PDB file of all heavy atoms in Angstrom:
ATOM      1  N   LYS A   1       0.870  -1.173   0.000  1.00  0.00           N
ATOM      2  CA  LYS A   1       0.000   0.000   0.000  1.00  0.00           C
ATOM      3  C   LYS A   1       0.902   1.217   0.000  1.00  0.00           C
ATOM      4  O   LYS A   1       1.792   1.369   0.852  1.00  0.00           O
ATOM      5  CB  LYS A   1      -0.919  -0.022   1.219  1.00  0.00           C
ATOM      6  CG  LYS A   1      -1.842   1.206   1.313  1.00  0.00           C
ATOM      7  CD  LYS A   1      -1.219   2.299   2.157  1.00  0.00           C
ATOM      8  CE  LYS A   1      -2.072   3.557   2.156  1.00  0.00           C
ATOM      9  NZ  LYS A   1      -1.444   4.654   2.927  1.00  0.00           N
ATOM     10  N   LEU A   2       0.706   2.101  -0.988  1.00  0.00           N
ATOM     11  CA  LEU A   2       1.546   3.281  -1.143  1.00  0.00           C
ATOM     12  C   LEU A   2       0.689   4.531  -1.118  1.00  0.00           C
ATOM     13  O   LEU A   2      -0.334   4.603  -1.796  1.00  0.00           O
ATOM     14  CB  LEU A   2       2.308   3.216  -2.472  1.00  0.00           C
ATOM     15  CG  LEU A   2       3.161   1.962  -2.721  1.00  0.00           C
ATOM     16  CD1 LEU A   2       3.583   1.899  -4.172  1.00  0.00           C
ATOM     17  CD2 LEU A   2       4.354   1.958  -1.799  1.00  0.00           C
ATOM     18  N   SER A   3       1.092   5.522  -0.345  1.00  0.00           N
ATOM     19  CA  SER A   3       0.375   6.795  -0.308  1.00  0.00           C
ATOM     20  C   SER A   3       1.360   7.925  -0.586  1.00  0.00           C
ATOM     21  O   SER A   3       2.583   7.742  -0.503  1.00  0.00           O
ATOM     22  CB  SER A   3      -0.302   7.002   1.054  1.00  0.00           C
ATOM     23  OG  SER A   3       0.638   6.901   2.099  1.00  0.00           O
ATOM     24  N   LYS A   4       0.814   9.084  -0.925  1.00  0.00           N
ATOM     25  CA  LYS A   4       1.629  10.270  -1.226  1.00  0.00           C
ATOM     26  C   LYS A   4       2.678   9.954  -2.280  1.00  0.00           C
ATOM     27  O   LYS A   4       3.877  10.177  -2.107  1.00  0.00           O
ATOM     28  CB  LYS A   4       2.285  10.802   0.048  1.00  0.00           C
ATOM     29  CG  LYS A   4       1.283  11.271   1.099  1.00  0.00           C
ATOM     30  CD  LYS A   4       1.953  11.779   2.347  1.00  0.00           C
ATOM     31  CE  LYS A   4       0.896  12.209   3.374  1.00  0.00           C
ATOM     32  NZ  LYS A   4       1.525  12.684   4.639  1.00  0.00           N
ATOM     33  N   ILE A   5       2.194   9.381  -3.378  1.00  0.00           N
ATOM     34  CA  ILE A   5       3.068   9.011  -4.489  1.00  0.00           C
ATOM     35  C   ILE A   5       2.319   9.229  -5.797  1.00  0.00           C
ATOM     36  O   ILE A   5       1.091   9.068  -5.862  1.00  0.00           O
ATOM     37  CB  ILE A   5       3.534   7.535  -4.349  1.00  0.00           C
ATOM     38  CG1 ILE A   5       4.572   7.189  -5.398  1.00  0.00           C
ATOM     39  CG2 ILE A   5       2.345   6.585  -4.443  1.00  0.00           C
ATOM     40  CD1 ILE A   5       5.212   5.823  -5.188  1.00  0.00           C
ATOM     41  N   SER A   6       3.034   9.619  -6.838  1.00  0.00           N
ATOM     42  CA  SER A   6       2.414   9.906  -8.136  1.00  0.00           C
ATOM     43  C   SER A   6       2.362   8.654  -8.993  1.00  0.00           C
ATOM     44  O   SER A   6       2.968   7.621  -8.673  1.00  0.00           O
ATOM     45  CB  SER A   6       3.231  10.989  -8.864  1.00  0.00           C
ATOM     46  OG  SER A   6       4.539  10.503  -9.134  1.00  0.00           O
ATOM     47  N   ASP A   7       1.629   8.754 -10.116  1.00  0.00           N
ATOM     48  CA  ASP A   7       1.587   7.638 -11.069  1.00  0.00           C
ATOM     49  C   ASP A   7       2.994   7.291 -11.541  1.00  0.00           C
ATOM     50  O   ASP A   7       3.352   6.114 -11.643  1.00  0.00           O
ATOM     51  CB  ASP A   7       0.723   8.012 -12.281  1.00  0.00           C
ATOM     52  CG  ASP A   7      -0.751   8.119 -11.928  1.00  0.00           C
ATOM     53  OD1 ASP A   7      -1.093   7.843 -10.772  1.00  0.00           O
ATOM     54  OD2 ASP A   7      -1.546   8.472 -12.811  1.00  0.00           O
ATOM     55  N   LYS A   8       3.776   8.331 -11.799  1.00  0.00           N
ATOM     56  CA  LYS A   8       5.148   8.115 -12.261  1.00  0.00           C
ATOM     57  C   LYS A   8       5.967   7.402 -11.193  1.00  0.00           C
ATOM     58  O   LYS A   8       6.729   6.485 -11.491  1.00  0.00           O
ATOM     59  CB  LYS A   8       5.793   9.460 -12.607  1.00  0.00           C
ATOM     60  CG  LYS A   8       7.216   9.332 -13.133  1.00  0.00           C
ATOM     61  CD  LYS A   8       7.800  10.695 -13.466  1.00  0.00           C
ATOM     62  CE  LYS A   8       9.247  10.554 -13.953  1.00  0.00           C
ATOM     63  NZ  LYS A   8       9.854  11.884 -14.253  1.00  0.00           N
ATOM     64  N   GLY A   9       5.762   7.816  -9.927  1.00  0.00           N
ATOM     65  CA  GLY A   9       6.481   7.182  -8.828  1.00  0.00           C
ATOM     66  C   GLY A   9       6.136   5.715  -8.688  1.00  0.00           C
ATOM     67  O   GLY A   9       7.006   4.880  -8.403  1.00  0.00           O
ATOM     68  N   VAL A  10       4.852   5.377  -8.897  1.00  0.00           N
ATOM     69  CA  VAL A  10       4.418   3.978  -8.810  1.00  0.00           C
ATOM     70  C   VAL A  10       5.078   3.154  -9.907  1.00  0.00           C
ATOM     71  O   VAL A  10       5.574   2.044  -9.662  1.00  0.00           O
ATOM     72  CB  VAL A  10       2.876   3.884  -8.914  1.00  0.00           C
ATOM     73  CG1 VAL A  10       2.442   2.430  -9.063  1.00  0.00           C
ATOM     74  CG2 VAL A  10       2.224   4.499  -7.696  1.00  0.00           C
ATOM     75  N   ASN A  11       5.118   3.708 -11.121  1.00  0.00           N
ATOM     76  CA  ASN A  11       5.734   2.981 -12.239  1.00  0.00           C
ATOM     77  C   ASN A  11       7.235   2.790 -12.024  1.00  0.00           C
ATOM     78  O   ASN A  11       7.788   1.726 -12.348  1.00  0.00           O
ATOM     79  CB  ASN A  11       5.478   3.727 -13.547  1.00  0.00           C
ATOM     80  CG  ASN A  11       4.012   3.675 -13.960  1.00  0.00           C
ATOM     81  OD1 ASN A  11       3.321   2.699 -13.680  1.00  0.00           O
ATOM     82  ND2 ASN A  11       3.536   4.725 -14.598  1.00  0.00           N
ATOM     83  N   GLU A  12       7.881   3.803 -11.476  1.00  0.00           N
ATOM     84  CA  GLU A  12       9.318   3.680 -11.197  1.00  0.00           C
ATOM     85  C   GLU A  12       9.567   2.617 -10.137  1.00  0.00           C
ATOM     86  O   GLU A  12      10.524   1.838 -10.230  1.00  0.00           O
ATOM     87  CB  GLU A  12       9.870   5.033 -10.746  1.00  0.00           C
ATOM     88  CG  GLU A  12       9.922   6.077 -11.856  1.00  0.00           C
ATOM     89  CD  GLU A  12      10.353   7.441 -11.351  1.00  0.00           C
ATOM     90  OE1 GLU A  12      10.458   7.606 -10.103  1.00  0.00           O
ATOM     91  OE2 GLU A  12      10.592   8.343 -12.182  1.00  0.00           O
ATOM     92  N   LEU A  13       8.698   2.592  -9.126  1.00  0.00           N
ATOM     93  CA  LEU A  13       8.830   1.591  -8.067  1.00  0.00           C
ATOM     94  C   LEU A  13       8.618   0.187  -8.621  1.00  0.00           C
ATOM     95  O   LEU A  13       9.320  -0.754  -8.258  1.00  0.00           O
ATOM     96  CB  LEU A  13       7.812   1.889  -6.962  1.00  0.00           C
ATOM     97  CG  LEU A  13       8.110   1.328  -5.572  1.00  0.00           C
ATOM     98  CD1 LEU A  13       9.388   1.924  -5.022  1.00  0.00           C
ATOM     99  CD2 LEU A  13       6.956   1.644  -4.627  1.00  0.00           C
ATOM    100  N   LEU A  14       7.646   0.065  -9.521  1.00  0.00           N
ATOM    101  CA  LEU A  14       7.365  -1.231 -10.127  1.00  0.00           C
ATOM    102  C   LEU A  14       8.563  -1.722 -10.939  1.00  0.00           C
ATOM    103  O   LEU A  14       8.885  -2.915 -10.925  1.00  0.00           O
ATOM    104  CB  LEU A  14       6.122  -1.134 -11.017  1.00  0.00           C
ATOM    105  CG  LEU A  14       5.680  -2.430 -11.701  1.00  0.00           C
ATOM    106  CD1 LEU A  14       5.367  -3.505 -10.668  1.00  0.00           C
ATOM    107  CD2 LEU A  14       4.466  -2.178 -12.579  1.00  0.00           C
ATOM    108  N   GLU A  15       9.234  -0.819 -11.636  1.00  0.00           N
ATOM    109  CA  GLU A  15      10.417  -1.197 -12.416  1.00  0.00           C
ATOM    110  C   GLU A  15      11.528  -1.711 -11.507  1.00  0.00           C
ATOM    111  O   GLU A  15      12.256  -2.650 -11.865  1.00  0.00           O
ATOM    112  CB  GLU A  15      10.909  -0.002 -13.247  1.00  0.00           C
ATOM    113  CG  GLU A  15       9.987   0.372 -14.406  1.00  0.00           C
ATOM    114  CD  GLU A  15       9.735  -0.793 -15.344  1.00  0.00           C
ATOM    115  OE1 GLU A  15      10.704  -1.499 -15.708  1.00  0.00           O
ATOM    116  OE2 GLU A  15       8.561  -1.018 -15.712  1.00  0.00           O
ATOM    117  N   LYS A  16      11.657  -1.118 -10.318  1.00  0.00           N
ATOM    118  CA  LYS A  16      12.660  -1.598  -9.357  1.00  0.00           C
ATOM    119  C   LYS A  16      12.321  -3.018  -8.886  1.00  0.00           C
ATOM    120  O   LYS A  16      13.207  -3.865  -8.731  1.00  0.00           O
ATOM    121  CB  LYS A  16      12.728  -0.656  -8.154  1.00  0.00           C
ATOM    122  CG  LYS A  16      13.319   0.715  -8.462  1.00  0.00           C
ATOM    123  CD  LYS A  16      13.366   1.565  -7.191  1.00  0.00           C
ATOM    124  CE  LYS A  16      13.944   2.948  -7.492  1.00  0.00           C
ATOM    125  NZ  LYS A  16      13.976   3.790  -6.266  1.00  0.00           N
ATOM    126  N   ILE A  17      11.032  -3.244  -8.665  1.00  0.00           N
ATOM    127  CA  ILE A  17      10.597  -4.580  -8.228  1.00  0.00           C
ATOM    128  C   ILE A  17      10.870  -5.607  -9.319  1.00  0.00           C
ATOM    129  O   ILE A  17      11.402  -6.694  -9.057  1.00  0.00           O
ATOM    130  CB  ILE A  17       9.100  -4.566  -7.859  1.00  0.00           C
ATOM    131  CG1 ILE A  17       8.849  -3.630  -6.664  1.00  0.00           C
ATOM    132  CG2 ILE A  17       8.602  -5.971  -7.534  1.00  0.00           C
ATOM    133  CD1 ILE A  17       7.383  -3.404  -6.356  1.00  0.00           C
ATOM    134  N   LYS A  18      10.524  -5.265 -10.554  1.00  0.00           N
ATOM    135  CA  LYS A  18      10.747  -6.186 -11.669  1.00  0.00           C
ATOM    136  C   LYS A  18      12.240  -6.464 -11.869  1.00  0.00           C
ATOM    137  O   LYS A  18      12.642  -7.593 -12.150  1.00  0.00           O
ATOM    138  CB  LYS A  18      10.129  -5.613 -12.947  1.00  0.00           C
ATOM    139  CG  LYS A  18       8.611  -5.569 -12.922  1.00  0.00           C
ATOM    140  CD  LYS A  18       8.047  -4.789 -14.106  1.00  0.00           C
ATOM    141  CE  LYS A  18       8.315  -5.492 -15.415  1.00  0.00           C
ATOM    142  NZ  LYS A  18       7.712  -4.750 -16.559  1.00  0.00           N
ATOM    143  N   ALA A  19      13.047  -5.424 -11.688  1.00  0.00           N
ATOM    144  CA  ALA A  19      14.497  -5.595 -11.829  1.00  0.00           C
ATOM    145  C   ALA A  19      15.032  -6.545 -10.764  1.00  0.00           C
ATOM    146  O   ALA A  19      15.900  -7.390 -11.045  1.00  0.00           O
ATOM    147  CB  ALA A  19      15.192  -4.239 -11.732  1.00  0.00           C
ATOM    148  N   ARG A  20      14.503  -6.413  -9.548  1.00  0.00           N
ATOM    149  CA  ARG A  20      14.966  -7.291  -8.475  1.00  0.00           C
ATOM    150  C   ARG A  20      14.583  -8.745  -8.745  1.00  0.00           C
ATOM    151  O   ARG A  20      15.354  -9.670  -8.457  1.00  0.00           O
ATOM    152  CB  ARG A  20      14.365  -6.838  -7.129  1.00  0.00           C
ATOM    153  CG  ARG A  20      14.766  -7.725  -5.945  1.00  0.00           C
ATOM    154  CD  ARG A  20      16.255  -7.646  -5.710  1.00  0.00           C
ATOM    155  NE  ARG A  20      16.717  -8.570  -4.678  1.00  0.00           N
ATOM    156  CZ  ARG A  20      17.049  -9.839  -4.881  1.00  0.00           C
ATOM    157  NH1 ARG A  20      16.974 -10.352  -6.115  1.00  0.00           N
ATOM    158  NH2 ARG A  20      17.472 -10.606  -3.897  1.00  0.00           N
ATOM    159  N   PHE A  21      13.408  -8.951  -9.315  1.00  0.00           N
ATOM    160  CA  PHE A  21      12.956 -10.318  -9.594  1.00  0.00           C
ATOM    161  C   PHE A  21      13.673 -10.938 -10.808  1.00  0.00           C
ATOM    162  O   PHE A  21      13.544 -12.137 -11.045  1.00  0.00           O
ATOM    163  CB  PHE A  21      11.444 -10.363  -9.797  1.00  0.00           C
ATOM    164  CG  PHE A  21      10.675 -10.523  -8.524  1.00  0.00           C
ATOM    165  CD1 PHE A  21      10.286  -9.420  -7.785  1.00  0.00           C
ATOM    166  CD2 PHE A  21      10.369 -11.778  -8.029  1.00  0.00           C
ATOM    167  CE1 PHE A  21       9.591  -9.556  -6.593  1.00  0.00           C
ATOM    168  CE2 PHE A  21       9.681 -11.936  -6.843  1.00  0.00           C
ATOM    169  CZ  PHE A  21       9.291 -10.824  -6.114  1.00  0.00           C
ATOM    170  N   SER A  22      14.391 -10.126 -11.534  1.00  0.00           N
ATOM    171  CA  SER A  22      15.194 -10.673 -12.632  1.00  0.00           C
ATOM    172  C   SER A  22      16.505 -11.255 -12.111  1.00  0.00           C
ATOM    173  O   SER A  22      17.228 -11.930 -12.846  1.00  0.00           O
ATOM    174  CB  SER A  22      15.486  -9.584 -13.669  1.00  0.00           C
ATOM    175  OG  SER A  22      16.323  -8.574 -13.107  1.00  0.00           O
ATOM    176  N   GLU A  23      16.797 -10.992 -10.836  1.00  0.00           N
ATOM    177  CA  GLU A  23      18.010 -11.511 -10.208  1.00  0.00           C
ATOM    178  C   GLU A  23      17.658 -12.645  -9.250  1.00  0.00           C
ATOM    179  O   GLU A  23      16.502 -12.826  -8.866  1.00  0.00           O
ATOM    180  CB  GLU A  23      18.721 -10.390  -9.438  1.00  0.00           C
ATOM    181  CG  GLU A  23      19.108  -9.191 -10.310  1.00  0.00           C
ATOM    182  CD  GLU A  23      19.662  -8.052  -9.467  1.00  0.00           C
ATOM    183  OE1 GLU A  23      19.705  -8.209  -8.225  1.00  0.00           O
ATOM    184  OE2 GLU A  23      20.040  -7.020 -10.050  1.00  0.00           O
ATOM    185  N   ALA A  24      18.676 -13.392  -8.847  1.00  0.00           N
ATOM    186  CA  ALA A  24      18.474 -14.517  -7.933  1.00  0.00           C
ATOM    187  C   ALA A  24      18.309 -14.017  -6.501  1.00  0.00           C
ATOM    188  O   ALA A  24      18.855 -12.980  -6.111  1.00  0.00           O
ATOM    189  CB  ALA A  24      19.648 -15.477  -8.022  1.00  0.00           C
ATOM    190  N   TRP A  25      17.528 -14.770  -5.730  1.00  0.00           N
ATOM    191  CA  TRP A  25      17.370 -14.518  -4.304  1.00  0.00           C
ATOM    192  C   TRP A  25      18.269 -15.512  -3.564  1.00  0.00           C
ATOM    193  O   TRP A  25      18.099 -16.723  -3.691  1.00  0.00           O
ATOM    194  CB  TRP A  25      15.904 -14.707  -3.889  1.00  0.00           C
ATOM    195  CG  TRP A  25      14.983 -13.736  -4.553  1.00  0.00           C
ATOM    196  CD1 TRP A  25      14.495 -13.822  -5.821  1.00  0.00           C
ATOM    197  CD2 TRP A  25      14.460 -12.533  -3.992  1.00  0.00           C
ATOM    198  NE1 TRP A  25      13.682 -12.747  -6.094  1.00  0.00           N
ATOM    199  CE2 TRP A  25      13.647 -11.940  -4.990  1.00  0.00           C
ATOM    200  CE3 TRP A  25      14.583 -11.908  -2.760  1.00  0.00           C
ATOM    201  CZ2 TRP A  25      12.968 -10.740  -4.778  1.00  0.00           C
ATOM    202  CZ3 TRP A  25      13.904 -10.713  -2.544  1.00  0.00           C
ATOM    203  CH2 TRP A  25      13.112 -10.134  -3.550  1.00  0.00           C
ATOM    204  N   LYS A  26      19.199 -14.994  -2.791  1.00  0.00           N
ATOM    205  CA  LYS A  26      20.152 -15.844  -2.078  1.00  0.00           C
ATOM    206  C   LYS A  26      19.726 -15.990  -0.626  1.00  0.00           C
ATOM    207  O   LYS A  26      19.681 -15.009   0.116  1.00  0.00           O
ATOM    208  CB  LYS A  26      21.557 -15.266  -2.180  1.00  0.00           C
ATOM    209  CG  LYS A  26      22.094 -15.222  -3.598  1.00  0.00           C
ATOM    210  CD  LYS A  26      23.501 -14.656  -3.668  1.00  0.00           C
ATOM    211  CE  LYS A  26      24.003 -14.626  -5.103  1.00  0.00           C
ATOM    212  NZ  LYS A  26      25.373 -14.059  -5.199  1.00  0.00           N
ATOM    213  N   ILE A  27      19.395 -17.199  -0.242  1.00  0.00           N
ATOM    214  CA  ILE A  27      18.946 -17.498   1.107  1.00  0.00           C
ATOM    215  C   ILE A  27      19.777 -18.655   1.635  1.00  0.00           C
ATOM    216  O   ILE A  27      19.789 -19.739   1.038  1.00  0.00           O
ATOM    217  CB  ILE A  27      17.446 -17.841   1.126  1.00  0.00           C
ATOM    218  CG1 ILE A  27      16.660 -16.632   0.651  1.00  0.00           C
ATOM    219  CG2 ILE A  27      16.990 -18.245   2.515  1.00  0.00           C
ATOM    220  CD1 ILE A  27      15.474 -16.928  -0.144  1.00  0.00           C
ATOM    221  N   ARG A  28      20.503 -18.385   2.739  1.00  0.00           N
ATOM    222  CA  ARG A  28      21.465 -19.366   3.268  1.00  0.00           C
ATOM    223  C   ARG A  28      22.442 -19.729   2.152  1.00  0.00           C
ATOM    224  O   ARG A  28      23.080 -18.874   1.577  1.00  0.00           O
ATOM    225  CB  ARG A  28      20.731 -20.588   3.822  1.00  0.00           C
ATOM    226  CG  ARG A  28      19.918 -20.292   5.088  1.00  0.00           C
ATOM    227  CD  ARG A  28      19.214 -21.544   5.570  1.00  0.00           C
ATOM    228  NE  ARG A  28      18.412 -21.264   6.769  1.00  0.00           N
ATOM    229  CZ  ARG A  28      17.583 -22.125   7.318  1.00  0.00           C
ATOM    230  NH1 ARG A  28      17.425 -23.335   6.789  1.00  0.00           N
ATOM    231  NH2 ARG A  28      16.894 -21.802   8.406  1.00  0.00           N
ATOM    232  N   ASP A  29      22.533 -21.003   1.845  1.00  0.00           N
ATOM    233  CA  ASP A  29      23.468 -21.416   0.795  1.00  0.00           C
ATOM    234  C   ASP A  29      22.769 -21.621  -0.542  1.00  0.00           C
ATOM    235  O   ASP A  29      23.409 -22.055  -1.518  1.00  0.00           O
ATOM    236  CB  ASP A  29      24.163 -22.724   1.203  1.00  0.00           C
ATOM    237  CG  ASP A  29      25.005 -22.558   2.456  1.00  0.00           C
ATOM    238  OD1 ASP A  29      25.511 -21.441   2.655  1.00  0.00           O
ATOM    239  OD2 ASP A  29      25.109 -23.522   3.239  1.00  0.00           O
ATOM    240  N   ALA A  30      21.478 -21.333  -0.571  1.00  0.00           N
ATOM    241  CA  ALA A  30      20.700 -21.570  -1.801  1.00  0.00           C
ATOM    242  C   ALA A  30      20.504 -20.277  -2.575  1.00  0.00           C
ATOM    243  O   ALA A  30      20.537 -19.179  -2.021  1.00  0.00           O
ATOM    244  CB  ALA A  30      19.353 -22.179  -1.459  1.00  0.00           C
ATOM    245  N   SER A  31      20.306 -20.422  -3.863  1.00  0.00           N
ATOM    246  CA  SER A  31      20.054 -19.287  -4.740  1.00  0.00           C
ATOM    247  C   SER A  31      18.966 -19.688  -5.730  1.00  0.00           C
ATOM    248  O   SER A  31      19.072 -20.723  -6.392  1.00  0.00           O
ATOM    249  CB  SER A  31      21.336 -18.913  -5.483  1.00  0.00           C
ATOM    250  OG  SER A  31      21.099 -17.844  -6.365  1.00  0.00           O
ATOM    251  N   THR A  32      17.925 -18.867  -5.818  1.00  0.00           N
ATOM    252  CA  THR A  32      16.809 -19.212  -6.708  1.00  0.00           C
ATOM    253  C   THR A  32      16.247 -17.965  -7.367  1.00  0.00           C
ATOM    254  O   THR A  32      16.257 -16.867  -6.781  1.00  0.00           O
ATOM    255  CB  THR A  32      15.684 -19.922  -5.925  1.00  0.00           C
ATOM    256  OG1 THR A  32      14.631 -20.286  -6.813  1.00  0.00           O
ATOM    257  CG2 THR A  32      15.115 -19.019  -4.842  1.00  0.00           C
ATOM    258  N   VAL A  33      15.799 -18.121  -8.585  1.00  0.00           N
ATOM    259  CA  VAL A  33      15.147 -17.032  -9.316  1.00  0.00           C
ATOM    260  C   VAL A  33      13.647 -17.242  -9.232  1.00  0.00           C
ATOM    261  O   VAL A  33      13.154 -18.347  -9.506  1.00  0.00           O
ATOM    262  CB  VAL A  33      15.600 -16.993 -10.790  1.00  0.00           C
ATOM    263  CG1 VAL A  33      14.829 -15.914 -11.549  1.00  0.00           C
ATOM    264  CG2 VAL A  33      17.098 -16.739 -10.880  1.00  0.00           C
ATOM    265  N   LEU A  34      12.911 -16.208  -8.851  1.00  0.00           N
ATOM    266  CA  LEU A  34      11.454 -16.296  -8.695  1.00  0.00           C
ATOM    267  C   LEU A  34      10.758 -15.596  -9.853  1.00  0.00           C
ATOM    268  O   LEU A  34      11.210 -14.546 -10.320  1.00  0.00           O
ATOM    269  CB  LEU A  34      11.020 -15.644  -7.379  1.00  0.00           C
ATOM    270  CG  LEU A  34      11.632 -16.207  -6.091  1.00  0.00           C
ATOM    271  CD1 LEU A  34      11.185 -15.372  -4.896  1.00  0.00           C
ATOM    272  CD2 LEU A  34      11.240 -17.656  -5.897  1.00  0.00           C
TER     273      LEU A  34
END
């Protein structure tokens, strides 16, 4: 839930999320792409 943010800000935030999901998540000794 995001408040006090513009449409542009939401789209920029979404791009950051998508970029993070393009990389692997490293947990303990495991690494997985979601």
